[in-house]
Amino acid sequence: MNDSFIGKTSSKMLKGIAILMMVSMHLLKTSWIDNPSLLIDLKICGEFVSHVLAESLHASTSIFAFCTGYIWGGVYRDKKPLSRILSLYVSFWIITLTINFPLQSINQYIISGNVAVSPVIVIKSLLAITSEISKFCWYISFYALAVITFPLLKYLLSKFFKRAVMEVVGIIAIFLAIRVMCLLLNRMEVFDSDIYSLLSRYNQTMPRLLIGTAVYKYGVYDKWNEKGNANRQLLYSVLFMIILTIGKMGLRLGLGIDSEIDMFWIIYEMYALTVIVKRLKELDIAKKVLVVLGDYSMYIWLIHAVFLLDFIQPYLYGLRLPIVIVAVAVLTSLVISVPIKMLDVKVKKLVKLI
């Protein structure tokens, strides 16, 4: 029984929420801010409240990966993996060449007086293996690996697991074992640091994608949705997200554990978020805003990195208030994304990718 709980509009709205989470987390990360004292904010345990909240609410990568896996559960076509990969890389190259590389070059010139970049860095950057030029490009190379490995992983999981709970537990166990193995190999210095980073990101993100596929395949959310009335489910979902956020805040402040372990609860988190999003659909403005942000989320993801460049930071963080900083960054990235997406579509039509 295939799942139908996360529809097309809900998926876009979830991605809209995810990109807001991502921009907030990245731009309020104090270790990336040259002059954090510019921020007007309260502190908790020596950290800005906005930073702690952004980190604790952060689930953007999980949302994107889960939604991708959920969609692939129904419409994946393994006969065109190269087209899938090339299409995303074309978008990435357009953004890198028109936005990230020129601004990164200006930043480097201001800091060091030259714009020289080694050929190795250029090649790795265009392959999205290193973040020297485009800071948040890692998902591009992860996506390529995911497209290539997904058919085999889906087949193996279907072969060995016949129930949703067993498949989800199996996914978590398998990728925990792989993560341990990669850590051991890294200690032996088997991998280049960029390659290890890519493999590490894959091990963290692929389980979330596969859990999304499992949810779709077994109709998990449809079954859960049948068990309670809408208002009660909304209440439980809001309470779950509050408790989860407080729990992640406690793990982070108390033990220094971040949200990369969220594959343990992602199946519940995504259900709660989807229940909340379905209610938000009733608010026309919220629906329109989140759908637009979802439509342009990939572009905003790659573009908003420029706000962390040294020569741009004083202008952005001069706004002082965290909510204003995030709002301006999101809106500016969205405005830039519109012509970039138009160019992207034209290029892909030209090379017959769409």
Protein backbone atom coordinates (compact mmCIF):
# COMPACT_ATOMS: atom_id res chain seq x y z
CA MET A 1 0.00 0.00 0.00
CA ASN A 2 1.73 3.17 -1.20
CA ASP A 3 1.48 6.29 0.96
CA SER A 4 -0.37 9.44 -0.17
CA PHE A 5 -0.17 11.56 3.00
CA ILE A 6 2.51 13.96 1.73
CA GLY A 7 1.05 15.52 -1.40
CA LYS A 8 2.77 17.82 -3.88
CA THR A 9 1.75 21.05 -2.13
CA SER A 10 2.66 19.69 1.32
CA SER A 11 6.07 18.64 -0.03
CA LYS A 12 6.75 22.16 -1.34
CA MET A 13 5.64 23.70 1.94
CA LEU A 14 7.90 21.33 3.89
CA LYS A 15 10.81 22.39 1.70
CA GLY A 16 9.87 26.02 2.33
CA ILE A 17 10.07 25.40 6.09
CA ALA A 18 13.34 23.53 5.58
CA ILE A 19 15.02 26.41 3.77
CA LEU A 20 13.96 28.84 6.50
CA MET A 21 15.49 26.46 9.06
CA MET A 22 18.68 26.17 7.02
CA VAL A 23 19.26 29.89 6.47
CA SER A 24 18.55 30.60 10.15
CA MET A 25 20.94 27.92 11.33
CA HIS A 26 23.75 28.94 8.96
CA LEU A 27 23.54 32.71 9.40
CA LEU A 28 23.12 32.60 13.18
CA LYS A 29 25.99 30.18 13.73
CA THR A 30 28.26 32.39 15.80
CA SER A 31 31.47 30.57 14.84
CA TRP A 32 30.86 31.69 11.24
CA ILE A 33 30.20 35.32 12.13
CA ASP A 34 33.24 37.60 12.10
CA ASN A 35 31.82 39.93 14.73
CA PRO A 36 29.08 38.18 16.77
CA SER A 37 28.92 41.16 19.15
CA LEU A 38 26.89 42.96 16.46
CA LEU A 39 23.90 40.74 17.28
CA ILE A 40 21.30 42.09 19.67
CA ASP A 41 20.17 38.96 21.50
CA LEU A 42 19.86 37.29 24.89
CA LYS A 43 22.25 34.53 25.95
CA ILE A 44 21.76 31.07 27.44
CA CYS A 45 24.74 29.07 28.76
CA GLY A 46 27.01 31.61 27.09
CA GLU A 47 25.39 31.28 23.65
CA PHE A 48 22.96 33.51 21.81
CA VAL A 49 19.37 32.33 22.18
CA SER A 50 18.75 32.74 18.43
CA HIS A 51 21.72 30.48 17.67
CA VAL A 52 20.60 27.80 20.13
CA LEU A 53 17.02 27.88 18.83
CA ALA A 54 18.12 27.79 15.19
CA GLU A 55 20.36 24.79 15.89
CA SER A 56 17.67 23.00 17.91
CA LEU A 57 14.89 23.61 15.37
CA HIS A 58 17.17 22.67 12.49
CA ALA A 59 15.94 19.72 10.44
CA SER A 60 16.41 21.07 6.94
CA THR A 61 18.63 18.36 5.50
CA SER A 62 16.39 15.69 6.98
CA ILE A 63 13.32 17.26 5.37
CA PHE A 64 14.93 17.52 1.93
CA ALA A 65 16.33 13.98 2.06
CA PHE A 66 13.12 12.44 3.44
CA CYS A 67 10.95 14.19 0.82
CA THR A 68 13.32 13.02 -1.95
CA GLY A 69 13.11 9.43 -0.72
CA TYR A 70 9.34 9.65 -0.36
CA ILE A 71 9.01 10.86 -3.97
CA TRP A 72 11.48 8.28 -5.28
CA GLY A 73 9.42 5.58 -3.62
CA GLY A 74 6.77 6.23 -6.23
CA VAL A 75 8.31 7.81 -9.33
CA TYR A 76 12.02 6.89 -9.42
CA ARG A 77 13.22 5.79 -12.84
CA ASP A 78 16.63 4.17 -12.63
CA LYS A 79 17.03 4.22 -16.43
CA LYS A 80 17.99 7.94 -16.41
CA PRO A 81 20.33 8.44 -13.46
CA LEU A 82 22.78 10.51 -15.53
CA SER A 83 20.06 12.97 -16.55
CA ARG A 84 18.99 13.40 -12.93
CA ILE A 85 22.55 14.09 -11.82
CA LEU A 86 23.43 16.36 -14.75
CA SER A 87 20.27 18.42 -14.30
CA LEU A 88 21.18 19.28 -10.69
CA TYR A 89 24.81 19.94 -11.58
CA VAL A 90 23.78 22.35 -14.36
CA SER A 91 21.79 24.34 -11.78
CA PHE A 92 24.76 24.25 -9.42
CA TRP A 93 27.24 25.34 -12.11
CA ILE A 94 25.04 28.26 -13.15
CA ILE A 95 24.80 29.52 -9.56
CA THR A 96 28.51 28.94 -8.93
CA LEU A 97 29.65 30.75 -12.10
CA THR A 98 27.22 33.67 -11.87
CA ILE A 99 27.03 34.24 -8.10
CA ASN A 100 29.35 32.29 -5.83
CA PHE A 101 32.62 32.32 -7.77
CA PRO A 102 32.57 36.05 -8.67
CA LEU A 103 31.71 37.11 -5.12
CA GLN A 104 34.19 34.65 -3.61
CA SER A 105 36.88 36.07 -5.91
CA ILE A 106 36.07 39.63 -4.79
CA ASN A 107 36.20 38.50 -1.18
CA GLN A 108 39.57 36.80 -1.68
CA TYR A 109 40.98 39.86 -3.48
CA ILE A 110 39.91 42.16 -0.63
CA ILE A 111 41.49 39.86 1.95
CA SER A 112 44.70 38.76 0.22
CA GLY A 113 45.11 40.96 -2.86
CA ASN A 114 44.90 38.08 -5.36
CA VAL A 115 42.24 35.83 -6.87
CA ALA A 116 44.39 32.83 -7.72
CA VAL A 117 42.64 29.47 -7.33
CA SER A 118 44.40 26.15 -7.89
CA PRO A 119 43.09 23.93 -10.72
CA VAL A 120 42.47 21.13 -8.20
CA ILE A 121 40.21 23.39 -6.12
CA VAL A 122 38.34 24.48 -9.27
CA ILE A 123 37.73 20.87 -10.36
CA LYS A 124 36.71 19.73 -6.87
CA SER A 125 34.44 22.75 -6.53
CA LEU A 126 32.70 22.09 -9.85
CA LEU A 127 32.18 18.48 -8.77
CA ALA A 128 30.84 19.77 -5.42
CA ILE A 129 33.44 17.73 -3.54
CA THR A 130 34.90 20.75 -1.76
CA SER A 131 33.21 23.85 -0.38
CA GLU A 132 36.07 26.26 -1.08
CA ILE A 133 34.01 28.25 -3.60
CA SER A 134 30.41 27.28 -2.83
CA LYS A 135 30.12 26.79 0.93
CA PHE A 136 26.98 24.64 1.07
CA CYS A 137 27.33 22.60 -2.11
CA TRP A 138 27.83 19.19 -0.47
CA TYR A 139 24.24 18.08 -1.13
CA ILE A 140 24.94 18.16 -4.88
CA SER A 141 27.59 15.44 -4.68
CA PHE A 142 25.50 13.56 -2.11
CA TYR A 143 22.55 13.62 -4.52
CA ALA A 144 24.72 12.19 -7.29
CA LEU A 145 25.80 9.31 -5.03
CA ALA A 146 22.21 8.83 -3.87
CA VAL A 147 20.90 8.58 -7.44
CA ILE A 148 23.55 5.99 -8.33
CA THR A 149 23.18 3.85 -5.21
CA PHE A 150 19.43 4.13 -4.61
CA PRO A 151 18.22 1.36 -6.98
CA LEU A 152 20.56 -1.24 -5.44
CA LEU A 153 19.80 -0.19 -1.86
CA LYS A 154 16.05 -0.19 -2.53
CA TYR A 155 16.28 -3.67 -4.04
CA LEU A 156 18.34 -5.07 -1.15
CA LEU A 157 16.08 -3.57 1.50
CA SER A 158 12.99 -4.97 -0.23
CA LYS A 159 14.70 -8.35 -0.46
CA PHE A 160 15.58 -8.65 3.23
CA PHE A 161 12.82 -6.66 4.97
CA LYS A 162 9.07 -7.13 4.53
CA ARG A 163 7.71 -4.84 7.26
CA ALA A 164 8.07 -1.09 7.73
CA VAL A 165 9.45 -1.22 11.28
CA MET A 166 12.06 -3.85 10.37
CA GLU A 167 13.17 -1.91 7.30
CA VAL A 168 13.56 1.35 9.23
CA VAL A 169 15.51 -0.39 12.02
CA GLY A 170 17.60 -2.17 9.37
CA ILE A 171 18.43 1.11 7.62
CA ILE A 172 19.55 2.74 10.86
CA ALA A 173 21.64 -0.29 11.91
CA ILE A 174 23.32 -0.66 8.51
CA PHE A 175 24.33 2.98 8.24
CA LEU A 176 25.53 3.14 11.84
CA ALA A 177 27.81 0.20 11.03
CA ILE A 178 29.03 1.93 7.85
CA ARG A 179 29.67 5.12 9.82
CA VAL A 180 31.81 3.27 12.36
CA MET A 181 33.75 1.61 9.54
CA CYS A 182 34.39 4.98 7.84
CA LEU A 183 35.59 6.47 11.13
CA LEU A 184 38.09 3.64 11.53
CA LEU A 185 39.30 4.02 7.93
CA ASN A 186 39.64 7.76 8.41
CA ARG A 187 41.85 7.22 11.46
CA MET A 188 44.04 5.09 9.22
CA GLU A 189 44.15 8.08 6.81
CA VAL A 190 42.80 6.01 3.93
CA PHE A 191 40.70 8.90 2.57
CA ASP A 192 41.45 12.41 1.39
CA SER A 193 39.70 14.84 3.79
CA ASP A 194 37.23 16.00 1.12
CA ILE A 195 36.38 12.40 0.16
CA TYR A 196 35.90 11.47 3.80
CA SER A 197 33.62 14.48 4.26
CA LEU A 198 31.56 13.36 1.25
CA LEU A 199 31.26 9.80 2.58
CA SER A 200 30.39 11.09 6.04
CA ARG A 201 27.62 13.29 4.63
CA TYR A 202 26.32 10.34 2.61
CA ASN A 203 26.22 8.11 5.70
CA GLN A 204 24.36 10.79 7.65
CA THR A 205 21.85 11.71 4.93
CA MET A 206 21.11 8.54 2.97
CA PRO A 207 19.29 6.81 5.88
CA ARG A 208 16.81 9.70 6.02
CA LEU A 209 16.17 9.37 2.29
CA LEU A 210 15.64 5.61 2.53
CA ILE A 211 13.32 5.99 5.52
CA GLY A 212 11.25 8.34 3.38
CA THR A 213 11.03 5.63 0.73
CA ALA A 214 10.01 3.05 3.32
CA VAL A 215 7.24 5.31 4.61
CA TYR A 216 5.89 5.68 1.08
CA LYS A 217 6.21 1.99 0.23
CA TYR A 218 4.39 0.70 3.31
CA GLY A 219 1.79 3.50 3.52
CA VAL A 220 2.91 4.30 7.07
CA TYR A 221 1.54 7.83 7.35
CA ASP A 222 -1.82 6.98 5.81
CA LYS A 223 -2.24 4.27 8.45
CA TRP A 224 -1.29 6.66 11.25
CA ASN A 225 -3.64 9.31 9.89
CA GLU A 226 -6.58 6.91 10.05
CA LYS A 227 -6.16 6.38 13.79
CA GLY A 228 -7.14 9.83 15.11
CA ASN A 229 -9.14 12.97 14.41
CA ALA A 230 -7.44 15.97 12.81
CA ASN A 231 -7.49 18.31 15.84
CA ARG A 232 -6.05 15.70 18.18
CA GLN A 233 -3.30 14.84 15.70
CA LEU A 234 -2.45 18.53 15.32
CA LEU A 235 -2.19 18.93 19.09
CA TYR A 236 0.02 15.84 19.43
CA SER A 237 2.19 17.01 16.54
CA VAL A 238 2.75 20.47 18.01
CA LEU A 239 3.53 18.96 21.43
CA PHE A 240 5.93 16.47 19.84
CA MET A 241 7.82 19.25 18.01
CA ILE A 242 8.06 21.33 21.20
CA ILE A 243 9.34 18.37 23.24
CA LEU A 244 11.75 17.38 20.45
CA THR A 245 13.13 20.92 20.19
CA ILE A 246 13.64 21.14 23.97
CA GLY A 247 15.25 17.69 23.93
CA LYS A 248 17.65 18.64 21.13
CA MET A 249 18.44 21.87 22.95
CA GLY A 250 19.28 19.85 26.07
CA LEU A 251 21.44 17.40 24.11
CA ARG A 252 23.28 20.27 22.48
CA LEU A 253 23.85 22.44 25.55
CA GLY A 254 24.37 19.59 28.01
CA LEU A 255 26.23 16.94 26.03
CA GLY A 256 27.33 18.73 22.85
CA ILE A 257 25.34 16.31 20.67
CA ASP A 258 23.89 17.84 17.51
CA SER A 259 20.91 16.89 15.34
CA GLU A 260 22.89 14.59 13.03
CA ILE A 261 21.47 11.69 15.04
CA ASP A 262 17.93 12.61 13.99
CA MET A 263 17.51 9.48 11.85
CA PHE A 264 16.32 7.89 15.11
CA TRP A 265 13.22 10.09 15.24
CA ILE A 266 12.83 11.43 11.69
CA ILE A 267 9.86 9.20 10.87
CA TYR A 268 7.89 10.83 13.71
CA GLU A 269 9.25 14.33 13.11
CA MET A 270 8.24 14.31 9.44
CA TYR A 271 4.76 13.08 10.28
CA ALA A 272 4.32 15.85 12.87
CA LEU A 273 5.61 18.50 10.47
CA THR A 274 3.31 17.27 7.71
CA VAL A 275 0.27 17.37 10.02
CA ILE A 276 1.18 20.97 10.94
CA VAL A 277 1.76 21.90 7.28
CA LYS A 278 -1.63 20.49 6.28
CA ARG A 279 -3.27 22.83 8.78
CA LEU A 280 -1.14 25.75 7.53
CA LYS A 281 -2.63 25.18 4.07
CA GLU A 282 -5.80 26.73 5.44
CA LEU A 283 -3.91 30.03 5.89
CA ASP A 284 -3.62 31.32 2.34
CA ILE A 285 -0.66 33.64 2.96
CA ALA A 286 1.36 30.98 4.81
CA LYS A 287 0.63 28.47 2.06
CA LYS A 288 1.70 30.84 -0.74
CA VAL A 289 4.89 31.94 1.04
CA LEU A 290 6.01 28.41 1.89
CA VAL A 291 5.19 27.06 -1.59
CA VAL A 292 7.25 29.83 -3.24
CA LEU A 293 10.15 29.22 -0.86
CA GLY A 294 9.86 25.49 -1.57
CA ASP A 295 9.92 26.08 -5.33
CA TYR A 296 13.14 28.11 -5.03
CA SER A 297 14.66 26.23 -2.08
CA MET A 298 17.52 24.66 -4.02
CA TYR A 299 18.60 28.04 -5.39
CA ILE A 300 18.31 29.75 -1.99
CA TRP A 301 20.32 26.87 -0.46
CA LEU A 302 23.28 27.54 -2.74
CA ILE A 303 23.01 31.33 -2.93
CA HIS A 304 22.68 32.26 0.76
CA ALA A 305 26.29 31.19 1.41
CA VAL A 306 27.48 34.55 0.00
CA PHE A 307 26.14 36.34 3.08
CA LEU A 308 28.94 34.73 5.11
CA LEU A 309 31.66 36.28 2.92
CA ASP A 310 33.85 38.69 4.88
CA PHE A 311 33.08 41.77 2.81
CA ILE A 312 29.30 41.19 2.93
CA GLN A 313 28.96 40.30 6.61
CA PRO A 314 29.20 43.88 7.98
CA TYR A 315 26.22 44.95 5.88
CA LEU A 316 24.05 41.98 6.85
CA TYR A 317 24.95 41.72 10.53
CA GLY A 318 24.81 45.51 10.82
CA LEU A 319 21.04 44.92 10.89
CA ARG A 320 21.67 43.58 14.43
CA LEU A 321 18.38 41.72 15.04
CA PRO A 322 18.56 37.97 14.21
CA ILE A 323 15.04 37.79 12.76
CA VAL A 324 15.71 40.79 10.50
CA ILE A 325 19.07 39.33 9.39
CA VAL A 326 17.45 36.03 8.40
CA ALA A 327 14.46 37.72 6.72
CA VAL A 328 16.68 39.99 4.60
CA ALA A 329 18.95 37.10 3.60
CA VAL A 330 16.00 34.88 2.61
CA LEU A 331 14.25 37.65 0.67
CA THR A 332 17.46 38.73 -1.13
CA SER A 333 18.31 35.12 -2.01
CA LEU A 334 14.78 34.61 -3.30
CA VAL A 335 14.93 37.71 -5.50
CA ILE A 336 18.27 36.58 -6.95
CA SER A 337 16.87 33.07 -7.46
CA VAL A 338 14.12 34.20 -9.84
CA PRO A 339 16.35 35.22 -12.81
CA ILE A 340 18.77 32.40 -11.99
CA LYS A 341 15.98 29.84 -12.27
CA MET A 342 14.84 31.37 -15.57
CA LEU A 343 18.39 31.04 -16.92
CA ASP A 344 18.61 27.52 -15.53
CA VAL A 345 15.42 26.44 -17.32
CA LYS A 346 16.59 27.95 -20.62
CA VAL A 347 19.98 26.21 -20.44
CA LYS A 348 18.39 22.86 -19.63
CA LYS A 349 15.96 23.23 -22.53
CA LEU A 350 18.90 24.03 -24.78
CA VAL A 351 20.78 20.89 -23.78
CA LYS A 352 17.53 18.89 -23.71
CA LEU A 353 17.55 18.05 -20.01
CA ILE A 354 13.91 19.15 -19.71
